[in-house]
Amino acid sequence: MIDSNTVLKLENDRLIRPRHIIGVDDFELEQIDQLFKLADDYKLKVQNKVDCRGDINPIDPAISFFEEPSTRTRFSFEMAAKRLGLAVLTTEAGKVFSSKAKGESIEDTAINLSGYSPSVVIGRFEHSGEARRAADQMGEVPLINGGDGKGEHPTQALLDAYTVQSILGSVGGQRYVLGGDLLNGRTVHSLVELSSRYEDNQYVFVSPEELKMPEEITDELKNKNIEFEHTTDVEEALNWADVVYWTRLQAERITNRNEKLEMIKKQKRFAIGLKQISSMKEHGILLHPLPRVMPGFVDSAGDTLEAEILPEVDNDSRARYFEQSQNGMYTRMALLRWALEPMYGHTGKYPPKN
């Protein structure tokens, strides 16, 4: 088995490695700029009904392996792959409908999936760190992390940053307010890590004390001498912000039911309705990685959850989360092309095995 660090050689003698996308550290800022330009191109092509299937050489199918439920990440990736001409083999809720339910390790799953020689594997994993463990067993097949537990969600961070740049003109020089469940929400972790690489950003984190941003994230901001603060004052934070990024309570990740019920009560204090959004600047934007909780939703444990963004704000010009979601397909088309092009090369073939 060739590990993920094996250097592969194309017929034109260029040296490459599989382009795994596990965390935001896998992107250089120059590469992000190229991906944004490519996403702009795909956005224009899709909106004008231009066929994009000739952009890559789809020799082998893609595998979409999701252990946890997903709507936007899974379908935007699969639509992106289809638009580029890739066949897609897919599973959802893989921890129930795959051999993971029988006790198979993520390493064994990765070895078997890569053994079928797919063009790429797009995965969502139940636990933090599983994406990296899987990539270490993928050999020459690139793995794209669609979210791993409480860890990272790099492709979401990319589309979030793309949305900010598309609307405000730059990812840098912004005042970011991130609110909700900042402890368990992997999207906010990745967005802070990515956006903090741009200059002149400031951050305010809005949450209950029990759901504060993890110290490993805030310690990284301290090391970069980037300003941030914690608060529970929603309206004051919104008034200060250029970018508001709100998240739902990750109730399914709170194992103690009493703690869960207490957090549900507190969540109501951190909801955004018409009163709260009226505090925002006219040029500000309200984003959400989605899904959001609809009012009155009762989960599988029989608990009624609180909505974090009320539907009444949907028609406000600052609410841009549905546009943000649509941007997911364009950025993931760019990511797939970026991940696959070095694997195919100019002849449309895989590089020879070592």
Protein backbone atom coordinates (compact mmCIF):
# COMPACT_ATOMS: atom_id res chain seq x y z
CA MET A 1 0.00 0.00 0.00
CA ILE A 2 1.39 3.39 -1.01
CA ASP A 3 0.95 5.92 1.81
CA SER A 4 -0.24 9.50 1.33
CA ASN A 5 3.32 10.87 1.34
CA THR A 6 4.45 8.83 -1.63
CA VAL A 7 5.68 11.02 -4.46
CA LEU A 8 4.08 10.07 -7.76
CA LYS A 9 5.56 10.74 -11.17
CA LEU A 10 3.56 11.76 -14.23
CA GLU A 11 4.55 10.93 -17.79
CA ASN A 12 5.80 14.48 -18.27
CA ASP A 13 8.13 14.02 -15.28
CA ARG A 14 6.32 16.43 -13.00
CA LEU A 15 6.46 15.31 -9.36
CA ILE A 16 3.17 15.47 -7.49
CA ARG A 17 1.38 14.11 -4.44
CA PRO A 18 -2.30 13.26 -4.07
CA ARG A 19 -4.12 16.49 -3.28
CA HIS A 20 -5.85 15.51 -0.05
CA ILE A 21 -7.99 18.30 1.39
CA ILE A 22 -8.22 17.56 5.11
CA GLY A 23 -8.01 20.97 6.75
CA VAL A 24 -7.71 24.63 5.86
CA ASP A 25 -3.93 24.35 6.28
CA ASP A 26 -3.92 22.39 3.02
CA PHE A 27 -4.62 25.68 1.19
CA GLU A 28 -2.09 28.41 0.52
CA LEU A 29 -3.55 31.90 0.11
CA GLU A 30 -2.33 31.98 -3.50
CA GLN A 31 -4.16 28.72 -4.17
CA ILE A 32 -7.32 30.07 -2.53
CA ASP A 33 -7.20 33.05 -4.87
CA GLN A 34 -6.93 30.69 -7.84
CA LEU A 35 -9.83 28.58 -6.53
CA PHE A 36 -11.99 31.68 -6.11
CA LYS A 37 -11.32 32.73 -9.69
CA LEU A 38 -12.16 29.23 -10.88
CA ALA A 39 -15.35 29.25 -8.79
CA ASP A 40 -16.31 32.59 -10.38
CA ASP A 41 -15.81 31.00 -13.78
CA TYR A 42 -17.97 27.99 -12.92
CA LYS A 43 -20.66 30.20 -11.43
CA LEU A 44 -20.91 32.11 -14.69
CA LYS A 45 -20.88 28.91 -16.76
CA VAL A 46 -23.57 27.19 -14.72
CA GLN A 47 -25.82 30.26 -14.71
CA ASN A 48 -25.46 30.46 -18.49
CA LYS A 49 -26.07 26.70 -18.97
CA VAL A 50 -22.55 26.03 -20.28
CA ASP A 51 -21.48 22.37 -20.32
CA CYS A 52 -18.47 21.92 -18.01
CA ARG A 53 -17.88 18.22 -18.64
CA GLY A 54 -14.76 18.74 -20.74
CA ASP A 55 -12.84 20.48 -17.99
CA ILE A 56 -11.38 17.25 -16.58
CA ASN A 57 -10.85 13.76 -17.94
CA PRO A 58 -13.30 11.62 -15.93
CA ILE A 59 -11.65 8.23 -16.25
CA ASP A 60 -12.95 6.77 -12.98
CA PRO A 61 -16.02 7.42 -10.79
CA ALA A 62 -15.96 9.46 -7.60
CA ILE A 63 -17.02 7.91 -4.29
CA SER A 64 -19.15 9.98 -1.92
CA PHE A 65 -18.96 8.35 1.53
CA PHE A 66 -20.87 10.19 4.27
CA GLU A 67 -21.08 8.68 7.74
CA GLU A 68 -23.31 11.50 9.02
CA PRO A 69 -26.43 13.10 7.49
CA SER A 70 -25.86 15.91 5.02
CA THR A 71 -27.88 17.90 2.52
CA ARG A 72 -25.74 20.80 1.28
CA THR A 73 -22.24 19.30 1.47
CA ARG A 74 -23.20 15.95 -0.01
CA PHE A 75 -25.49 17.16 -2.78
CA SER A 76 -23.38 20.17 -3.77
CA PHE A 77 -20.34 17.90 -4.07
CA GLU A 78 -22.26 15.30 -6.05
CA MET A 79 -23.79 17.97 -8.30
CA ALA A 80 -20.32 19.46 -8.75
CA ALA A 81 -18.92 16.06 -9.74
CA LYS A 82 -21.79 15.39 -12.14
CA ARG A 83 -21.41 18.79 -13.78
CA LEU A 84 -17.73 18.01 -14.36
CA GLY A 85 -18.66 14.69 -15.97
CA LEU A 86 -17.80 12.32 -13.12
CA ALA A 87 -19.96 9.34 -12.31
CA VAL A 88 -20.69 9.20 -8.57
CA LEU A 89 -21.13 6.23 -6.24
CA THR A 90 -22.71 7.38 -3.01
CA THR A 91 -23.88 6.42 0.46
CA GLU A 92 -25.40 8.50 3.21
CA ALA A 93 -25.53 7.71 6.92
CA GLY A 94 -22.56 5.43 6.34
CA LYS A 95 -22.18 4.65 10.04
CA VAL A 96 -25.52 2.83 9.72
CA PHE A 97 -25.52 1.59 6.12
CA SER A 98 -21.87 0.58 5.71
CA SER A 99 -19.61 -1.94 7.43
CA LYS A 100 -18.80 0.75 10.00
CA ALA A 101 -21.96 -0.52 11.71
CA LYS A 102 -20.28 -3.94 11.96
CA GLY A 103 -17.17 -2.58 13.66
CA GLU A 104 -14.93 -1.84 10.67
CA SER A 105 -12.16 0.70 11.31
CA ILE A 106 -11.85 3.84 9.23
CA GLU A 107 -8.44 2.58 8.09
CA ASP A 108 -9.93 -0.62 6.68
CA THR A 109 -12.73 1.34 5.00
CA ALA A 110 -10.20 3.69 3.37
CA ILE A 111 -7.98 0.85 2.14
CA ASN A 112 -10.95 -0.87 0.52
CA LEU A 113 -12.42 2.26 -1.06
CA SER A 114 -9.08 3.34 -2.53
CA GLY A 115 -8.54 -0.21 -3.77
CA TYR A 116 -11.35 0.28 -6.26
CA SER A 117 -9.31 3.07 -7.92
CA PRO A 118 -11.86 5.87 -7.78
CA SER A 119 -10.88 9.28 -9.07
CA VAL A 120 -11.52 10.85 -5.65
CA VAL A 121 -13.21 10.03 -2.34
CA ILE A 122 -15.37 12.70 -0.70
CA GLY A 123 -15.97 11.79 2.93
CA ARG A 124 -17.80 12.95 6.03
CA PHE A 125 -16.63 11.30 9.21
CA GLU A 126 -18.21 10.81 12.62
CA HIS A 127 -15.16 11.63 14.74
CA SER A 128 -12.46 14.31 14.70
CA GLY A 129 -9.22 13.10 13.14
CA GLU A 130 -10.80 10.32 11.07
CA ALA A 131 -10.33 12.22 7.81
CA ARG A 132 -6.56 12.34 8.36
CA ARG A 133 -6.45 8.69 9.38
CA ALA A 134 -8.36 7.74 6.22
CA ALA A 135 -6.11 9.86 4.00
CA ASP A 136 -3.05 8.06 5.34
CA GLN A 137 -4.44 4.85 3.82
CA MET A 138 -5.68 6.24 0.49
CA GLY A 139 -2.46 5.85 -1.50
CA GLU A 140 -2.71 7.75 -4.77
CA VAL A 141 -6.42 8.51 -4.41
CA PRO A 142 -7.15 12.05 -3.15
CA LEU A 143 -9.50 12.42 -0.18
CA ILE A 144 -11.63 15.53 0.41
CA ASN A 145 -12.86 16.05 3.96
CA GLY A 146 -16.56 16.99 4.05
CA GLY A 147 -16.44 17.38 7.84
CA ASP A 148 -15.01 15.22 10.62
CA GLY A 149 -16.79 15.27 13.98
CA LYS A 150 -16.09 18.48 15.90
CA GLY A 151 -12.86 18.97 13.95
CA GLU A 152 -12.68 20.70 10.59
CA HIS A 153 -14.85 21.45 7.58
CA PRO A 154 -12.37 22.96 5.11
CA THR A 155 -14.61 23.06 2.05
CA GLN A 156 -17.30 24.89 4.03
CA ALA A 157 -14.70 27.44 5.15
CA LEU A 158 -13.67 27.93 1.54
CA LEU A 159 -17.23 28.61 0.35
CA ASP A 160 -17.82 30.88 3.35
CA ALA A 161 -14.73 32.93 2.54
CA TYR A 162 -15.71 32.96 -1.14
CA THR A 163 -19.12 34.35 -0.17
CA VAL A 164 -17.57 37.09 1.96
CA GLN A 165 -15.24 38.09 -0.86
CA SER A 166 -18.02 37.98 -3.46
CA ILE A 167 -20.24 40.32 -1.45
CA LEU A 168 -17.83 42.55 0.49
CA GLY A 169 -14.87 42.47 -1.91
CA SER A 170 -12.32 40.97 0.47
CA VAL A 171 -11.96 38.27 3.13
CA GLY A 172 -9.55 40.54 4.99
CA GLY A 173 -10.17 43.83 6.74
CA GLN A 174 -13.49 42.65 8.22
CA ARG A 175 -15.12 42.51 11.62
CA TYR A 176 -16.33 38.94 12.12
CA VAL A 177 -18.96 38.02 14.70
CA LEU A 178 -19.43 34.28 15.17
CA GLY A 179 -22.25 33.11 17.38
CA GLY A 180 -24.11 30.09 18.68
CA ASP A 181 -22.53 26.74 19.46
CA LEU A 182 -18.87 27.65 19.00
CA LEU A 183 -17.60 24.66 20.96
CA ASN A 184 -19.06 21.87 18.83
CA GLY A 185 -19.48 23.65 15.47
CA ARG A 186 -16.66 22.60 13.14
CA THR A 187 -17.63 25.24 10.56
CA VAL A 188 -16.72 28.13 12.85
CA HIS A 189 -13.40 26.50 13.74
CA SER A 190 -12.40 26.22 10.09
CA LEU A 191 -13.67 29.69 9.16
CA VAL A 192 -11.63 31.37 11.90
CA GLU A 193 -8.53 29.38 10.95
CA LEU A 194 -8.89 30.32 7.30
CA SER A 195 -9.97 33.95 7.59
CA SER A 196 -7.35 34.73 10.25
CA ARG A 197 -4.67 34.19 7.59
CA TYR A 198 -5.88 37.40 5.94
CA GLU A 199 -4.79 40.78 7.25
CA ASP A 200 -6.68 43.20 9.51
CA ASN A 201 -9.51 40.95 10.67
CA GLN A 202 -11.07 41.22 14.13
CA TYR A 203 -13.34 38.72 15.90
CA VAL A 204 -16.10 38.69 18.48
CA PHE A 205 -17.44 35.33 19.72
CA VAL A 206 -21.03 35.26 21.02
CA SER A 207 -22.16 32.22 22.98
CA PRO A 208 -23.07 30.84 26.38
CA GLU A 209 -20.02 30.23 28.56
CA GLU A 210 -20.42 26.46 28.15
CA LEU A 211 -20.26 26.72 24.33
CA LYS A 212 -17.32 29.11 23.96
CA MET A 213 -14.82 28.89 21.12
CA PRO A 214 -12.20 26.22 21.99
CA GLU A 215 -8.92 27.43 23.43
CA GLU A 216 -6.87 25.90 20.62
CA ILE A 217 -8.60 28.34 18.25
CA THR A 218 -8.28 31.40 20.49
CA ASP A 219 -4.68 30.51 21.36
CA GLU A 220 -3.89 30.53 17.66
CA LEU A 221 -5.38 34.02 17.37
CA LYS A 222 -3.27 35.16 20.32
CA ASN A 223 -0.15 33.78 18.68
CA LYS A 224 -0.97 35.81 15.57
CA ASN A 225 -1.67 38.96 17.66
CA ILE A 226 -5.21 39.09 16.28
CA GLU A 227 -7.83 40.93 18.31
CA PHE A 228 -10.83 38.98 19.63
CA GLU A 229 -13.24 38.99 22.55
CA HIS A 230 -16.07 36.93 24.02
CA THR A 231 -19.51 38.36 24.79
CA THR A 232 -23.11 37.36 25.46
CA ASP A 233 -24.55 40.65 24.13
CA VAL A 234 -26.00 39.69 20.75
CA GLU A 235 -27.27 43.09 19.61
CA GLU A 236 -24.11 44.99 20.51
CA ALA A 237 -22.01 42.45 18.63
CA LEU A 238 -24.26 42.60 15.58
CA ASN A 239 -24.04 46.38 15.52
CA TRP A 240 -20.23 46.13 15.39
CA ALA A 241 -20.03 43.45 12.67
CA ASP A 242 -19.34 43.37 8.96
CA VAL A 243 -19.82 39.60 8.81
CA VAL A 244 -22.19 37.76 11.17
CA TYR A 245 -21.84 33.98 11.10
CA TRP A 246 -24.47 32.19 13.19
CA THR A 247 -24.73 28.47 14.04
CA ARG A 248 -27.27 26.08 15.49
CA LEU A 249 -26.92 24.25 18.80
CA GLN A 250 -25.26 20.91 18.01
CA ALA A 251 -27.68 19.15 20.36
CA GLU A 252 -26.86 15.71 18.96
CA ARG A 253 -23.26 16.07 20.23
CA ILE A 254 -24.28 16.77 23.85
CA THR A 255 -24.48 13.36 25.50
CA ASN A 256 -25.74 14.44 28.92
CA ARG A 257 -29.47 15.13 28.58
CA ASN A 258 -29.67 17.57 31.50
CA GLU A 259 -26.84 19.61 29.98
CA LYS A 260 -28.58 19.44 26.61
CA LEU A 261 -31.87 20.77 28.02
CA GLU A 262 -30.03 23.58 29.78
CA MET A 263 -28.28 24.56 26.54
CA ILE A 264 -31.61 24.53 24.68
CA LYS A 265 -32.98 27.06 27.20
CA LYS A 266 -29.93 29.27 26.78
CA GLN A 267 -30.09 29.02 22.98
CA LYS A 268 -33.26 31.12 22.99
CA ARG A 269 -31.22 34.12 24.21
CA PHE A 270 -28.98 33.80 21.16
CA ALA A 271 -31.64 33.72 18.44
CA ILE A 272 -31.71 36.28 15.62
CA GLY A 273 -35.07 37.75 14.66
CA LEU A 274 -36.18 41.07 13.21
CA LYS A 275 -35.17 43.00 16.33
CA GLN A 276 -31.66 41.59 16.35
CA ILE A 277 -30.95 41.92 12.63
CA SER A 278 -32.10 45.54 12.74
CA SER A 279 -28.97 46.18 14.85
CA MET A 280 -26.72 45.25 11.92
CA LYS A 281 -25.01 47.73 9.62
CA GLU A 282 -26.63 48.22 6.24
CA HIS A 283 -23.62 46.72 4.45
CA GLY A 284 -23.31 43.82 6.90
CA ILE A 285 -24.10 40.24 5.93
CA LEU A 286 -25.67 37.43 7.93
CA LEU A 287 -24.37 33.95 7.12
CA HIS A 288 -25.16 30.46 8.43
CA PRO A 289 -23.63 27.13 7.32
CA LEU A 290 -27.08 25.50 7.52
CA PRO A 291 -29.07 23.53 8.42
CA ARG A 292 -30.82 25.88 10.80
CA VAL A 293 -33.42 24.66 13.27
CA MET A 294 -37.00 25.45 12.32
CA PRO A 295 -39.26 26.81 15.09
CA GLY A 296 -40.94 24.06 17.08
CA PHE A 297 -38.68 21.25 15.83
CA VAL A 298 -38.73 18.14 18.02
CA ASP A 299 -35.62 15.96 17.79
CA SER A 300 -35.36 12.17 17.99
CA ALA A 301 -35.04 12.34 21.78
CA GLY A 302 -38.36 14.17 22.01
CA ASP A 303 -36.83 17.52 22.93
CA THR A 304 -38.08 20.76 21.37
CA LEU A 305 -35.12 22.75 20.04
CA GLU A 306 -34.93 26.54 19.71
CA ALA A 307 -34.47 28.23 16.34
CA GLU A 308 -31.26 30.26 16.01
CA ILE A 309 -32.30 32.35 12.95
CA LEU A 310 -36.02 32.95 12.62
CA PRO A 311 -37.61 32.72 9.14
CA GLU A 312 -38.90 36.27 9.57
CA VAL A 313 -35.43 37.63 8.68
CA ASP A 314 -35.14 35.72 5.38
CA ASN A 315 -36.28 38.65 3.26
CA ASP A 316 -33.85 41.10 4.85
CA SER A 317 -31.16 42.10 2.31
CA ARG A 318 -28.45 41.27 4.86
CA ALA A 319 -29.54 37.62 5.15
CA ARG A 320 -27.29 35.88 2.61
CA TYR A 321 -27.21 32.26 3.82
CA PHE A 322 -29.10 30.77 0.85
CA GLU A 323 -26.74 32.51 -1.58
CA GLN A 324 -23.90 31.18 0.60
CA SER A 325 -25.27 27.65 0.24
CA GLN A 326 -25.49 27.96 -3.55
CA ASN A 327 -21.86 29.04 -3.66
CA GLY A 328 -20.99 25.62 -2.28
CA MET A 329 -21.44 23.95 -5.65
CA TYR A 330 -19.23 26.44 -7.51
CA THR A 331 -16.40 26.26 -4.98
CA ARG A 332 -16.60 22.46 -4.88
CA MET A 333 -16.44 22.27 -8.67
CA ALA A 334 -13.24 24.30 -8.40
CA LEU A 335 -11.93 22.03 -5.63
CA LEU A 336 -12.63 18.84 -7.55
CA ARG A 337 -10.87 20.14 -10.61
CA TRP A 338 -7.93 21.32 -8.51
CA ALA A 339 -7.69 17.95 -6.75
CA LEU A 340 -8.04 15.86 -9.92
CA GLU A 341 -6.03 17.64 -12.58
CA PRO A 342 -2.60 16.56 -11.31
CA MET A 343 -3.86 12.99 -10.99
CA TYR A 344 -4.91 12.79 -14.61
CA GLY A 345 -2.23 14.77 -16.37
CA HIS A 346 -2.28 15.71 -20.02
CA THR A 347 -2.87 12.12 -21.23
CA GLY A 348 -5.96 11.55 -19.11
CA LYS A 349 -4.33 8.60 -17.32
CA TYR A 350 -3.33 7.93 -13.77
CA PRO A 351 0.37 8.30 -13.07
CA PRO A 352 2.19 4.96 -13.12
CA LYS A 353 2.35 3.16 -9.80
CA ASN A 354 5.62 3.09 -7.93
